[in-house]
């Protein structure tokens, strides 16, 4: 039976891996395991040990706390609404692709695009 923490952490691994444009094979190669193991981690079928989570965090360039952000399980403090909304947004593949594309734009142009999006959203 999958534990909710394992499922949540696995989803966060998958989202971050996808955001940085890395395949399961590439992540597996970096941390020294097969891509099938990455698949099992991402679905929550297998738990990620502390040392392996450390390696994955290093490979994906995030702090370990990133993988627990937004978790609202038994005994956990309720996450702020903004974090919960962001978690739902990360489940949308189109939104993930948009964010990944956005960060691929050079910073000066990205800032102008951001300002445009803000103006357009105020109009809508």
PDB file of N, CA and C in Angstrom:
ATOM      1  N   UNK A   1       0.830  -1.180   0.000  1.00  0.00           N
ATOM      2  CA  UNK A   1       0.000   0.000   0.000  1.00  0.00           C
ATOM      3  C   UNK A   1       0.879   1.249   0.000  1.00  0.00           C
ATOM      4  N   UNK A   2       0.552   2.191  -0.863  1.00  0.00           N
ATOM      5  CA  UNK A   2       1.339   3.415  -0.975  1.00  0.00           C
ATOM      6  C   UNK A   2       1.074   4.333   0.208  1.00  0.00           C
ATOM      7  N   UNK A   3       2.124   4.899   0.745  1.00  0.00           N
ATOM      8  CA  UNK A   3       1.990   5.872   1.824  1.00  0.00           C
ATOM      9  C   UNK A   3       1.823   7.257   1.191  1.00  0.00           C
ATOM     10  N   UNK A   4       0.927   8.094   1.720  1.00  0.00           N
ATOM     11  CA  UNK A   4       0.680   9.416   1.122  1.00  0.00           C
ATOM     12  C   UNK A   4       1.931  10.289   1.004  1.00  0.00           C
ATOM     13  N   UNK A   5       2.842  10.178   1.949  1.00  0.00           N
ATOM     14  CA  UNK A   5       4.078  10.967   1.872  1.00  0.00           C
ATOM     15  C   UNK A   5       4.916  10.504   0.682  1.00  0.00           C
ATOM     16  N   UNK A   6       5.011   9.198   0.481  1.00  0.00           N
ATOM     17  CA  UNK A   6       5.790   8.672  -0.642  1.00  0.00           C
ATOM     18  C   UNK A   6       5.194   9.121  -1.975  1.00  0.00           C
ATOM     19  N   UNK A   7       3.875   9.117  -2.062  1.00  0.00           N
ATOM     20  CA  UNK A   7       3.195   9.556  -3.285  1.00  0.00           C
ATOM     21  C   UNK A   7       3.463  11.036  -3.528  1.00  0.00           C
ATOM     22  N   UNK A   8       3.344  11.847  -2.484  1.00  0.00           N
ATOM     23  CA  UNK A   8       3.561  13.287  -2.615  1.00  0.00           C
ATOM     24  C   UNK A   8       4.995  13.588  -3.031  1.00  0.00           C
ATOM     25  N   UNK A   9       5.958  12.995  -2.348  1.00  0.00           N
ATOM     26  CA  UNK A   9       7.369  13.219  -2.667  1.00  0.00           C
ATOM     27  C   UNK A   9       7.655  12.765  -4.100  1.00  0.00           C
ATOM     28  N   UNK A  10       7.106  11.634  -4.493  1.00  0.00           N
ATOM     29  CA  UNK A  10       7.305  11.147  -5.856  1.00  0.00           C
ATOM     30  C   UNK A  10       6.761  12.100  -6.908  1.00  0.00           C
ATOM     31  N   UNK A  11       5.595  12.673  -6.637  1.00  0.00           N
ATOM     32  CA  UNK A  11       5.017  13.651  -7.566  1.00  0.00           C
ATOM     33  C   UNK A  11       5.902  14.880  -7.680  1.00  0.00           C
ATOM     34  N   UNK A  12       6.436  15.303  -6.542  1.00  0.00           N
ATOM     35  CA  UNK A  12       7.314  16.479  -6.559  1.00  0.00           C
ATOM     36  C   UNK A  12       8.604  16.186  -7.321  1.00  0.00           C
ATOM     37  N   UNK A  13       9.125  14.963  -7.211  1.00  0.00           N
ATOM     38  CA  UNK A  13      10.299  14.576  -7.992  1.00  0.00           C
ATOM     39  C   UNK A  13       9.962  14.653  -9.481  1.00  0.00           C
ATOM     40  N   UNK A  14       8.833  14.062  -9.862  1.00  0.00           N
ATOM     41  CA  UNK A  14       8.430  14.056 -11.269  1.00  0.00           C
ATOM     42  C   UNK A  14       8.250  15.478 -11.800  1.00  0.00           C
ATOM     43  N   UNK A  15       7.568  16.331 -11.036  1.00  0.00           N
ATOM     44  CA  UNK A  15       7.332  17.700 -11.496  1.00  0.00           C
ATOM     45  C   UNK A  15       8.642  18.470 -11.664  1.00  0.00           C
ATOM     46  N   UNK A  16       9.521  18.356 -10.697  1.00  0.00           N
ATOM     47  CA  UNK A  16      10.801  19.078 -10.796  1.00  0.00           C
ATOM     48  C   UNK A  16      11.640  18.529 -11.936  1.00  0.00           C
ATOM     49  N   UNK A  17      11.674  17.220 -12.093  1.00  0.00           N
ATOM     50  CA  UNK A  17      12.441  16.609 -13.183  1.00  0.00           C
ATOM     51  C   UNK A  17      11.922  17.114 -14.517  1.00  0.00           C
ATOM     52  N   UNK A  18      10.609  17.158 -14.650  1.00  0.00           N
ATOM     53  CA  UNK A  18      10.000  17.611 -15.883  1.00  0.00           C
ATOM     54  C   UNK A  18      10.284  19.092 -16.113  1.00  0.00           C
ATOM     55  N   UNK A  19      10.233  19.897 -15.044  1.00  0.00           N
ATOM     56  CA  UNK A  19      10.474  21.336 -15.152  1.00  0.00           C
ATOM     57  C   UNK A  19      11.886  21.642 -15.644  1.00  0.00           C
ATOM     58  N   UNK A  20      12.836  20.847 -15.240  1.00  0.00           N
ATOM     59  CA  UNK A  20      14.207  21.107 -15.685  1.00  0.00           C
ATOM     60  C   UNK A  20      14.524  20.398 -16.997  1.00  0.00           C
ATOM     61  N   UNK A  21      13.539  19.699 -17.546  1.00  0.00           N
ATOM     62  CA  UNK A  21      13.718  19.052 -18.848  1.00  0.00           C
ATOM     63  C   UNK A  21      14.585  17.810 -18.812  1.00  0.00           C
ATOM     64  N   UNK A  22      14.506  17.073 -17.728  1.00  0.00           N
ATOM     65  CA  UNK A  22      15.325  15.879 -17.547  1.00  0.00           C
ATOM     66  C   UNK A  22      14.457  14.631 -17.691  1.00  0.00           C
ATOM     67  N   UNK A  23      14.987  13.610 -18.344  1.00  0.00           N
ATOM     68  CA  UNK A  23      14.263  12.348 -18.463  1.00  0.00           C
ATOM     69  C   UNK A  23      14.523  11.493 -17.224  1.00  0.00           C
ATOM     70  N   UNK A  24      13.704  10.458 -17.065  1.00  0.00           N
ATOM     71  CA  UNK A  24      13.933   9.520 -15.965  1.00  0.00           C
ATOM     72  C   UNK A  24      15.293   8.847 -16.130  1.00  0.00           C
ATOM     73  N   UNK A  25      15.657   8.553 -17.360  1.00  0.00           N
ATOM     74  CA  UNK A  25      16.951   7.922 -17.632  1.00  0.00           C
ATOM     75  C   UNK A  25      18.098   8.840 -17.202  1.00  0.00           C
ATOM     76  N   UNK A  26      17.997  10.120 -17.536  1.00  0.00           N
ATOM     77  CA  UNK A  26      19.058  11.066 -17.177  1.00  0.00           C
ATOM     78  C   UNK A  26      19.180  11.198 -15.659  1.00  0.00           C
ATOM     79  N   UNK A  27      18.047  11.315 -14.974  1.00  0.00           N
ATOM     80  CA  UNK A  27      18.089  11.423 -13.516  1.00  0.00           C
ATOM     81  C   UNK A  27      18.666  10.150 -12.911  1.00  0.00           C
ATOM     82  N   UNK A  28      18.238   9.016 -13.423  1.00  0.00           N
ATOM     83  CA  UNK A  28      18.762   7.749 -12.932  1.00  0.00           C
ATOM     84  C   UNK A  28      20.269   7.645 -13.123  1.00  0.00           C
ATOM     85  N   UNK A  29      20.745   8.079 -14.276  1.00  0.00           N
ATOM     86  CA  UNK A  29      22.186   8.045 -14.542  1.00  0.00           C
ATOM     87  C   UNK A  29      22.950   8.926 -13.552  1.00  0.00           C
ATOM     88  N   UNK A  30      22.408  10.105 -13.264  1.00  0.00           N
ATOM     89  CA  UNK A  30      23.085  11.031 -12.352  1.00  0.00           C
ATOM     90  C   UNK A  30      23.171  10.458 -10.940  1.00  0.00           C
ATOM     91  N   UNK A  31      22.080   9.841 -10.467  1.00  0.00           N
ATOM     92  CA  UNK A  31      22.082   9.328  -9.093  1.00  0.00           C
ATOM     93  C   UNK A  31      22.534   7.869  -9.002  1.00  0.00           C
ATOM     94  N   UNK A  32      22.801   7.257 -10.145  1.00  0.00           N
ATOM     95  CA  UNK A  32      23.363   5.911 -10.141  1.00  0.00           C
ATOM     96  C   UNK A  32      22.365   4.779  -9.997  1.00  0.00           C
ATOM     97  N   UNK A  33      21.159   4.973 -10.532  1.00  0.00           N
ATOM     98  CA  UNK A  33      20.148   3.909 -10.501  1.00  0.00           C
ATOM     99  C   UNK A  33      19.476   3.811 -11.866  1.00  0.00           C
ATOM    100  N   UNK A  34      18.703   2.769 -12.069  1.00  0.00           N
ATOM    101  CA  UNK A  34      18.011   2.574 -13.334  1.00  0.00           C
ATOM    102  C   UNK A  34      16.753   3.438 -13.399  1.00  0.00           C
ATOM    103  N   UNK A  35      16.342   3.783 -14.615  1.00  0.00           N
ATOM    104  CA  UNK A  35      15.172   4.647 -14.773  1.00  0.00           C
ATOM    105  C   UNK A  35      13.914   3.997 -14.212  1.00  0.00           C
ATOM    106  N   UNK A  36      13.859   2.655 -14.192  1.00  0.00           N
ATOM    107  CA  UNK A  36      12.685   1.981 -13.639  1.00  0.00           C
ATOM    108  C   UNK A  36      12.508   2.313 -12.151  1.00  0.00           C
ATOM    109  N   UNK A  37      13.631   2.483 -11.457  1.00  0.00           N
ATOM    110  CA  UNK A  37      13.559   2.841 -10.041  1.00  0.00           C
ATOM    111  C   UNK A  37      13.019   4.259  -9.895  1.00  0.00           C
ATOM    112  N   UNK A  38      13.428   5.152 -10.784  1.00  0.00           N
ATOM    113  CA  UNK A  38      12.897   6.519 -10.765  1.00  0.00           C
ATOM    114  C   UNK A  38      11.384   6.463 -10.970  1.00  0.00           C
ATOM    115  N   UNK A  39      10.918   5.609 -11.892  1.00  0.00           N
ATOM    116  CA  UNK A  39       9.475   5.449 -12.124  1.00  0.00           C
ATOM    117  C   UNK A  39       8.772   5.028 -10.838  1.00  0.00           C
ATOM    118  N   UNK A  40       9.346   4.077 -10.146  1.00  0.00           N
ATOM    119  CA  UNK A  40       8.733   3.588  -8.905  1.00  0.00           C
ATOM    120  C   UNK A  40       8.713   4.675  -7.830  1.00  0.00           C
ATOM    121  N   UNK A  41       9.774   5.470  -7.760  1.00  0.00           N
ATOM    122  CA  UNK A  41       9.790   6.583  -6.811  1.00  0.00           C
ATOM    123  C   UNK A  41       8.698   7.587  -7.155  1.00  0.00           C
ATOM    124  N   UNK A  42       8.584   7.925  -8.441  1.00  0.00           N
ATOM    125  CA  UNK A  42       7.647   8.955  -8.866  1.00  0.00           C
ATOM    126  C   UNK A  42       6.188   8.558  -8.660  1.00  0.00           C
ATOM    127  N   UNK A  43       5.897   7.284  -8.673  1.00  0.00           N
ATOM    128  CA  UNK A  43       4.521   6.833  -8.444  1.00  0.00           C
ATOM    129  C   UNK A  43       4.249   6.556  -6.965  1.00  0.00           C
ATOM    130  N   UNK A  44       5.292   6.572  -6.150  1.00  0.00           N
ATOM    131  CA  UNK A  44       5.128   6.280  -4.733  1.00  0.00           C
ATOM    132  C   UNK A  44       5.138   4.796  -4.430  1.00  0.00           C
ATOM    133  N   UNK A  45       5.410   3.975  -5.421  1.00  0.00           N
ATOM    134  CA  UNK A  45       5.462   2.524  -5.198  1.00  0.00           C
ATOM    135  C   UNK A  45       6.633   2.154  -4.281  1.00  0.00           C
ATOM    136  N   UNK A  46       7.752   2.843  -4.448  1.00  0.00           N
ATOM    137  CA  UNK A  46       8.921   2.617  -3.601  1.00  0.00           C
ATOM    138  C   UNK A  46       9.241   3.895  -2.843  1.00  0.00           C
ATOM    139  N   UNK A  47       9.650   3.721  -1.599  1.00  0.00           N
ATOM    140  CA  UNK A  47      10.068   4.863  -0.796  1.00  0.00           C
ATOM    141  C   UNK A  47      11.471   5.280  -1.194  1.00  0.00           C
ATOM    142  N   UNK A  48      11.715   6.574  -1.059  1.00  0.00           N
ATOM    143  CA  UNK A  48      13.043   7.106  -1.354  1.00  0.00           C
ATOM    144  C   UNK A  48      13.781   7.251  -0.029  1.00  0.00           C
ATOM    145  N   UNK A  49      14.937   6.616   0.080  1.00  0.00           N
ATOM    146  CA  UNK A  49      15.725   6.734   1.311  1.00  0.00           C
ATOM    147  C   UNK A  49      16.249   8.165   1.445  1.00  0.00           C
ATOM    148  N   UNK A  50      16.660   8.517   2.640  1.00  0.00           N
ATOM    149  CA  UNK A  50      17.165   9.866   2.905  1.00  0.00           C
ATOM    150  C   UNK A  50      18.374  10.182   2.024  1.00  0.00           C
ATOM    151  N   UNK A  51      19.299   9.242   1.915  1.00  0.00           N
ATOM    152  CA  UNK A  51      20.497   9.501   1.108  1.00  0.00           C
ATOM    153  C   UNK A  51      20.160   9.612  -0.374  1.00  0.00           C
ATOM    154  N   UNK A  52      19.208   8.816  -0.846  1.00  0.00           N
ATOM    155  CA  UNK A  52      18.801   8.889  -2.251  1.00  0.00           C
ATOM    156  C   UNK A  52      18.048  10.195  -2.515  1.00  0.00           C
ATOM    157  N   UNK A  53      17.216  10.617  -1.564  1.00  0.00           N
ATOM    158  CA  UNK A  53      16.508  11.889  -1.718  1.00  0.00           C
ATOM    159  C   UNK A  53      17.513  13.036  -1.775  1.00  0.00           C
ATOM    160  N   UNK A  54      18.563  12.934  -0.980  1.00  0.00           N
ATOM    161  CA  UNK A  54      19.632  13.936  -1.009  1.00  0.00           C
ATOM    162  C   UNK A  54      20.252  13.989  -2.404  1.00  0.00           C
ATOM    163  N   UNK A  55      20.567  12.818  -2.968  1.00  0.00           N
ATOM    164  CA  UNK A  55      21.158  12.753  -4.308  1.00  0.00           C
ATOM    165  C   UNK A  55      20.217  13.339  -5.365  1.00  0.00           C
ATOM    166  N   UNK A  56      18.942  13.018  -5.257  1.00  0.00           N
ATOM    167  CA  UNK A  56      17.950  13.517  -6.216  1.00  0.00           C
ATOM    168  C   UNK A  56      17.818  15.029  -6.087  1.00  0.00           C
ATOM    169  N   UNK A  57      17.792  15.532  -4.868  1.00  0.00           N
ATOM    170  CA  UNK A  57      17.708  16.977  -4.653  1.00  0.00           C
ATOM    171  C   UNK A  57      18.910  17.688  -5.273  1.00  0.00           C
ATOM    172  N   UNK A  58      20.094  17.098  -5.106  1.00  0.00           N
ATOM    173  CA  UNK A  58      21.295  17.679  -5.701  1.00  0.00           C
ATOM    174  C   UNK A  58      21.194  17.677  -7.231  1.00  0.00           C
ATOM    175  N   UNK A  59      20.735  16.567  -7.788  1.00  0.00           N
ATOM    176  CA  UNK A  59      20.627  16.442  -9.246  1.00  0.00           C
ATOM    177  C   UNK A  59      19.600  17.411  -9.824  1.00  0.00           C
ATOM    178  N   UNK A  60      18.532  17.671  -9.061  1.00  0.00           N
ATOM    179  CA  UNK A  60      17.460  18.549  -9.544  1.00  0.00           C
ATOM    180  C   UNK A  60      17.624  19.988  -9.048  1.00  0.00           C
ATOM    181  N   UNK A  61      18.698  20.240  -8.299  1.00  0.00           N
ATOM    182  CA  UNK A  61      19.052  21.581  -7.830  1.00  0.00           C
ATOM    183  C   UNK A  61      17.945  22.223  -6.992  1.00  0.00           C
ATOM    184  N   UNK A  62      17.451  21.472  -6.018  1.00  0.00           N
ATOM    185  CA  UNK A  62      16.452  21.982  -5.074  1.00  0.00           C
ATOM    186  C   UNK A  62      16.828  21.523  -3.668  1.00  0.00           C
ATOM    187  N   UNK A  63      16.357  22.251  -2.642  1.00  0.00           N
ATOM    188  CA  UNK A  63      16.568  21.761  -1.268  1.00  0.00           C
ATOM    189  C   UNK A  63      15.644  20.566  -1.019  1.00  0.00           C
ATOM    190  N   UNK A  64      15.990  19.731  -0.093  1.00  0.00           N
ATOM    191  CA  UNK A  64      15.170  18.559   0.222  1.00  0.00           C
ATOM    192  C   UNK A  64      13.758  18.970   0.630  1.00  0.00           C
ATOM    193  N   UNK A  65      13.627  20.105   1.288  1.00  0.00           N
ATOM    194  CA  UNK A  65      12.306  20.573   1.721  1.00  0.00           C
ATOM    195  C   UNK A  65      11.351  20.765   0.547  1.00  0.00           C
ATOM    196  N   UNK A  66      11.882  20.989  -0.650  1.00  0.00           N
ATOM    197  CA  UNK A  66      11.046  21.160  -1.841  1.00  0.00           C
ATOM    198  C   UNK A  66      10.087  19.991  -2.014  1.00  0.00           C
ATOM    199  N   UNK A  67      10.547  18.786  -1.731  1.00  0.00           N
ATOM    200  CA  UNK A  67       9.752  17.589  -1.977  1.00  0.00           C
ATOM    201  C   UNK A  67       8.573  17.441  -1.003  1.00  0.00           C
ATOM    202  N   UNK A  68       8.607  18.182   0.098  1.00  0.00           N
ATOM    203  CA  UNK A  68       7.541  18.096   1.092  1.00  0.00           C
ATOM    204  C   UNK A  68       6.597  19.298   1.056  1.00  0.00           C
ATOM    205  N   UNK A  69       6.920  20.291   0.240  1.00  0.00           N
ATOM    206  CA  UNK A  69       6.073  21.475   0.149  1.00  0.00           C
ATOM    207  C   UNK A  69       4.671  21.085  -0.295  1.00  0.00           C
ATOM    208  N   UNK A  70       3.680  21.647   0.385  1.00  0.00           N
ATOM    209  CA  UNK A  70       2.299  21.415   0.010  1.00  0.00           C
ATOM    210  C   UNK A  70       1.687  20.136   0.550  1.00  0.00           C
ATOM    211  N   UNK A  71       2.448  19.362   1.307  1.00  0.00           N
ATOM    212  CA  UNK A  71       1.898  18.117   1.844  1.00  0.00           C
ATOM    213  C   UNK A  71       0.934  18.427   2.966  1.00  0.00           C
ATOM    214  N   UNK A  72      -0.263  17.889   2.871  1.00  0.00           N
ATOM    215  CA  UNK A  72      -1.287  18.091   3.894  1.00  0.00           C
ATOM    216  C   UNK A  72      -1.798  16.735   4.361  1.00  0.00           C
ATOM    217  N   UNK A  73      -0.987  16.018   5.064  1.00  0.00           N
ATOM    218  CA  UNK A  73      -1.397  14.699   5.535  1.00  0.00           C
ATOM    219  C   UNK A  73      -1.695  14.710   7.015  1.00  0.00           C
ATOM    220  N   UNK A  74      -2.035  13.549   7.523  1.00  0.00           N
ATOM    221  CA  UNK A  74      -2.327  13.398   8.941  1.00  0.00           C
ATOM    222  C   UNK A  74      -1.098  13.799   9.750  1.00  0.00           C
ATOM    223  N   UNK A  75      -1.307  14.680  10.695  1.00  0.00           N
ATOM    224  CA  UNK A  75      -0.209  15.127  11.537  1.00  0.00           C
ATOM    225  C   UNK A  75       0.592  16.264  10.933  1.00  0.00           C
ATOM    226  N   UNK A  76       0.318  16.619   9.681  1.00  0.00           N
ATOM    227  CA  UNK A  76       1.031  17.729   9.051  1.00  0.00           C
ATOM    228  C   UNK A  76       0.213  18.998   9.210  1.00  0.00           C
ATOM    229  N   UNK A  77       0.913  20.110   9.318  1.00  0.00           N
ATOM    230  CA  UNK A  77       0.205  21.378   9.384  1.00  0.00           C
ATOM    231  C   UNK A  77      -0.411  21.645   8.020  1.00  0.00           C
ATOM    232  N   UNK A  78      -1.561  22.264   8.019  1.00  0.00           N
ATOM    233  CA  UNK A  78      -2.216  22.591   6.753  1.00  0.00           C
ATOM    234  C   UNK A  78      -1.354  23.580   5.998  1.00  0.00           C
ATOM    235  N   UNK A  79      -1.197  23.348   4.714  1.00  0.00           N
ATOM    236  CA  UNK A  79      -0.406  24.245   3.877  1.00  0.00           C
ATOM    237  C   UNK A  79      -1.211  25.500   3.583  1.00  0.00           C
ATOM    238  N   UNK A  80      -0.539  26.626   3.390  1.00  0.00           N
ATOM    239  CA  UNK A  80      -1.259  27.829   3.011  1.00  0.00           C
ATOM    240  C   UNK A  80      -1.995  27.625   1.700  1.00  0.00           C
ATOM    241  N   UNK A  81      -3.059  28.378   1.492  1.00  0.00           N
ATOM    242  CA  UNK A  81      -3.887  28.228   0.288  1.00  0.00           C
ATOM    243  C   UNK A  81      -3.063  28.381  -0.977  1.00  0.00           C
ATOM    244  N   UNK A  82      -2.123  29.328  -0.990  1.00  0.00           N
ATOM    245  CA  UNK A  82      -1.325  29.546  -2.199  1.00  0.00           C
ATOM    246  C   UNK A  82      -0.512  28.306  -2.546  1.00  0.00           C
ATOM    247  N   UNK A  83       0.023  27.637  -1.537  1.00  0.00           N
ATOM    248  CA  UNK A  83       0.801  26.427  -1.794  1.00  0.00           C
ATOM    249  C   UNK A  83      -0.099  25.320  -2.314  1.00  0.00           C
ATOM    250  N   UNK A  84      -1.279  25.171  -1.747  1.00  0.00           N
ATOM    251  CA  UNK A  84      -2.203  24.134  -2.201  1.00  0.00           C
ATOM    252  C   UNK A  84      -2.631  24.396  -3.637  1.00  0.00           C
ATOM    253  N   UNK A  85      -2.908  25.658  -3.962  1.00  0.00           N
ATOM    254  CA  UNK A  85      -3.289  25.992  -5.335  1.00  0.00           C
ATOM    255  C   UNK A  85      -2.147  25.693  -6.293  1.00  0.00           C
ATOM    256  N   UNK A  86      -0.919  26.032  -5.900  1.00  0.00           N
ATOM    257  CA  UNK A  86       0.230  25.766  -6.748  1.00  0.00           C
ATOM    258  C   UNK A  86       0.394  24.269  -6.964  1.00  0.00           C
ATOM    259  N   UNK A  87       0.130  23.470  -5.939  1.00  0.00           N
ATOM    260  CA  UNK A  87       0.219  22.019  -6.076  1.00  0.00           C
ATOM    261  C   UNK A  87      -0.747  21.517  -7.121  1.00  0.00           C
ATOM    262  N   UNK A  88      -1.973  22.051  -7.130  1.00  0.00           N
ATOM    263  CA  UNK A  88      -2.952  21.669  -8.141  1.00  0.00           C
ATOM    264  C   UNK A  88      -2.493  22.109  -9.520  1.00  0.00           C
ATOM    265  N   UNK A  89      -1.896  23.284  -9.597  1.00  0.00           N
ATOM    266  CA  UNK A  89      -1.404  23.802 -10.867  1.00  0.00           C
ATOM    267  C   UNK A  89      -0.304  22.900 -11.421  1.00  0.00           C
ATOM    268  N   UNK A  90       0.535  22.374 -10.546  1.00  0.00           N
ATOM    269  CA  UNK A  90       1.622  21.513 -10.998  1.00  0.00           C
ATOM    270  C   UNK A  90       1.117  20.187 -11.549  1.00  0.00           C
ATOM    271  N   UNK A  91      -0.133  19.849 -11.275  1.00  0.00           N
ATOM    272  CA  UNK A  91      -0.698  18.614 -11.810  1.00  0.00           C
ATOM    273  C   UNK A  91      -1.143  18.792 -13.257  1.00  0.00           C
ATOM    274  N   UNK A  92      -1.201  20.031 -13.734  1.00  0.00           N
ATOM    275  CA  UNK A  92      -1.639  20.341 -15.091  1.00  0.00           C
ATOM    276  C   UNK A  92      -0.425  20.383 -16.013  1.00  0.00           C
ATOM    277  N   UNK A  93      -0.359  19.464 -16.957  1.00  0.00           N
ATOM    278  CA  UNK A  93       0.809  19.362 -17.838  1.00  0.00           C
ATOM    279  C   UNK A  93       0.986  20.621 -18.677  1.00  0.00           C
ATOM    280  N   UNK A  94      -0.114  21.217 -19.110  1.00  0.00           N
ATOM    281  CA  UNK A  94      -0.026  22.443 -19.906  1.00  0.00           C
ATOM    282  C   UNK A  94       0.599  23.570 -19.083  1.00  0.00           C
ATOM    283  N   UNK A  95       0.211  23.682 -17.825  1.00  0.00           N
ATOM    284  CA  UNK A  95       0.773  24.715 -16.954  1.00  0.00           C
ATOM    285  C   UNK A  95       2.264  24.476 -16.733  1.00  0.00           C
ATOM    286  N   UNK A  96       2.644  23.226 -16.549  1.00  0.00           N
ATOM    287  CA  UNK A  96       4.066  22.903 -16.381  1.00  0.00           C
ATOM    288  C   UNK A  96       4.864  23.274 -17.621  1.00  0.00           C
ATOM    289  N   UNK A  97       4.315  22.964 -18.776  1.00  0.00           N
ATOM    290  CA  UNK A  97       5.007  23.294 -20.021  1.00  0.00           C
ATOM    291  C   UNK A  97       5.139  24.810 -20.178  1.00  0.00           C
ATOM    292  N   UNK A  98       4.098  25.536 -19.808  1.00  0.00           N
ATOM    293  CA  UNK A  98       4.130  26.994 -19.881  1.00  0.00           C
ATOM    294  C   UNK A  98       5.211  27.564 -18.966  1.00  0.00           C
ATOM    295  N   UNK A  99       5.289  27.063 -17.755  1.00  0.00           N
ATOM    296  CA  UNK A  99       6.289  27.551 -16.803  1.00  0.00           C
ATOM    297  C   UNK A  99       7.694  27.215 -17.290  1.00  0.00           C
ATOM    298  N   UNK A 100       7.877  26.021 -17.788  1.00  0.00           N
ATOM    299  CA  UNK A 100       9.197  25.627 -18.295  1.00  0.00           C
ATOM    300  C   UNK A 100       9.603  26.497 -19.477  1.00  0.00           C
ATOM    301  N   UNK A 101       8.680  26.769 -20.372  1.00  0.00           N
ATOM    302  CA  UNK A 101       8.960  27.637 -21.517  1.00  0.00           C
ATOM    303  C   UNK A 101       9.257  29.061 -21.060  1.00  0.00           C
ATOM    304  N   UNK A 102       8.505  29.521 -20.085  1.00  0.00           N
ATOM    305  CA  UNK A 102       8.687  30.871 -19.551  1.00  0.00           C
ATOM    306  C   UNK A 102      10.116  31.054 -19.039  1.00  0.00           C
ATOM    307  N   UNK A 103      10.608  30.089 -18.267  1.00  0.00           N
ATOM    308  CA  UNK A 103      11.946  30.220 -17.711  1.00  0.00           C
ATOM    309  C   UNK A 103      13.052  29.984 -18.731  1.00  0.00           C
ATOM    310  N   UNK A 104      12.704  29.517 -19.914  1.00  0.00           N
ATOM    311  CA  UNK A 104      13.693  29.368 -20.985  1.00  0.00           C
ATOM    312  C   UNK A 104      13.918  30.693 -21.713  1.00  0.00           C
ATOM    313  N   UNK A 105      13.047  31.675 -21.496  1.00  0.00           N
ATOM    314  CA  UNK A 105      13.161  32.988 -22.129  1.00  0.00           C
ATOM    315  C   UNK A 105      14.207  33.807 -21.380  1.00  0.00           C
ATOM    316  N   UNK A 106      15.047  34.569 -22.106  1.00  0.00           N
ATOM    317  CA  UNK A 106      16.021  35.431 -21.417  1.00  0.00           C
ATOM    318  C   UNK A 106      15.324  36.375 -20.438  1.00  0.00           C
ATOM    319  N   UNK A 107      16.014  36.696 -19.342  1.00  0.00           N
ATOM    320  CA  UNK A 107      15.378  37.401 -18.229  1.00  0.00           C
ATOM    321  C   UNK A 107      14.733  38.732 -18.614  1.00  0.00           C
ATOM    322  N   UNK A 108      15.380  39.552 -19.419  1.00  0.00           N
ATOM    323  CA  UNK A 108      14.805  40.857 -19.781  1.00  0.00           C
ATOM    324  C   UNK A 108      13.493  40.675 -20.544  1.00  0.00           C
ATOM    325  N   UNK A 109      13.478  39.735 -21.477  1.00  0.00           N
ATOM    326  CA  UNK A 109      12.262  39.477 -22.247  1.00  0.00           C
ATOM    327  C   UNK A 109      11.202  38.814 -21.367  1.00  0.00           C
ATOM    328  N   UNK A 110      11.646  37.955 -20.459  1.00  0.00           N
ATOM    329  CA  UNK A 110      10.722  37.279 -19.552  1.00  0.00           C
ATOM    330  C   UNK A 110       9.995  38.300 -18.676  1.00  0.00           C
ATOM    331  N   UNK A 111      10.720  39.319 -18.223  1.00  0.00           N
ATOM    332  CA  UNK A 111      10.108  40.357 -17.388  1.00  0.00           C
ATOM    333  C   UNK A 111       9.024  41.102 -18.160  1.00  0.00           C
ATOM    334  N   UNK A 112       9.310  41.394 -19.435  1.00  0.00           N
ATOM    335  CA  UNK A 112       8.327  42.093 -20.261  1.00  0.00           C
ATOM    336  C   UNK A 112       7.101  41.213 -20.498  1.00  0.00           C
ATOM    337  N   UNK A 113       7.325  39.921 -20.712  1.00  0.00           N
ATOM    338  CA  UNK A 113       6.211  38.987 -20.894  1.00  0.00           C
ATOM    339  C   UNK A 113       5.373  38.900 -19.618  1.00  0.00           C
ATOM    340  N   UNK A 114       6.043  38.887 -18.488  1.00  0.00           N
ATOM    341  CA  UNK A 114       5.354  38.844 -17.207  1.00  0.00           C
ATOM    342  C   UNK A 114       4.462  40.076 -17.037  1.00  0.00           C
ATOM    343  N   UNK A 115       5.015  41.246 -17.357  1.00  0.00           N
ATOM    344  CA  UNK A 115       4.234  42.487 -17.247  1.00  0.00           C
ATOM    345  C   UNK A 115       3.022  42.447 -18.175  1.00  0.00           C
ATOM    346  N   UNK A 116       3.212  41.925 -19.390  1.00  0.00           N
ATOM    347  CA  UNK A 116       2.103  41.801 -20.338  1.00  0.00           C
ATOM    348  C   UNK A 116       1.033  40.861 -19.784  1.00  0.00           C
ATOM    349  N   UNK A 117       1.444  39.731 -19.263  1.00  0.00           N
ATOM    350  CA  UNK A 117       0.489  38.765 -18.709  1.00  0.00           C
ATOM    351  C   UNK A 117      -0.288  39.379 -17.541  1.00  0.00           C
ATOM    352  N   UNK A 118       0.391  40.129 -16.713  1.00  0.00           N
ATOM    353  CA  UNK A 118      -0.281  40.787 -15.585  1.00  0.00           C
ATOM    354  C   UNK A 118      -1.336  41.766 -16.076  1.00  0.00           C
ATOM    355  N   UNK A 119      -0.999  42.562 -17.097  1.00  0.00           N
ATOM    356  CA  UNK A 119      -1.972  43.517 -17.662  1.00  0.00           C
ATOM    357  C   UNK A 119      -3.153  42.773 -18.268  1.00  0.00           C
ATOM    358  N   UNK A 120      -2.886  41.718 -19.016  1.00  0.00           N
ATOM    359  CA  UNK A 120      -3.961  40.964 -19.646  1.00  0.00           C
ATOM    360  C   UNK A 120      -4.867  40.299 -18.613  1.00  0.00           C
ATOM    361  N   UNK A 121      -4.290  39.811 -17.539  1.00  0.00           N
ATOM    362  CA  UNK A 121      -5.115  39.145 -16.525  1.00  0.00           C
ATOM    363  C   UNK A 121      -5.973  40.150 -15.767  1.00  0.00           C
ATOM    364  N   UNK A 122      -5.524  41.384 -15.639  1.00  0.00           N
ATOM    365  CA  UNK A 122      -6.318  42.426 -14.994  1.00  0.00           C
ATOM    366  C   UNK A 122      -7.507  42.822 -15.865  1.00  0.00           C
ATOM    367  N   UNK A 123      -7.347  42.725 -17.178  1.00  0.00           N
ATOM    368  CA  UNK A 123      -8.401  43.092 -18.107  1.00  0.00           C
ATOM    369  C   UNK A 123      -9.478  42.020 -18.145  1.00  0.00           C
ATOM    370  N   UNK A 124      -9.081  40.771 -18.038  1.00  0.00           N
ATOM    371  CA  UNK A 124     -10.011  39.647 -18.185  1.00  0.00           C
ATOM    372  C   UNK A 124     -10.961  39.541 -17.092  1.00  0.00           C
TER     373      UNK A 124
END
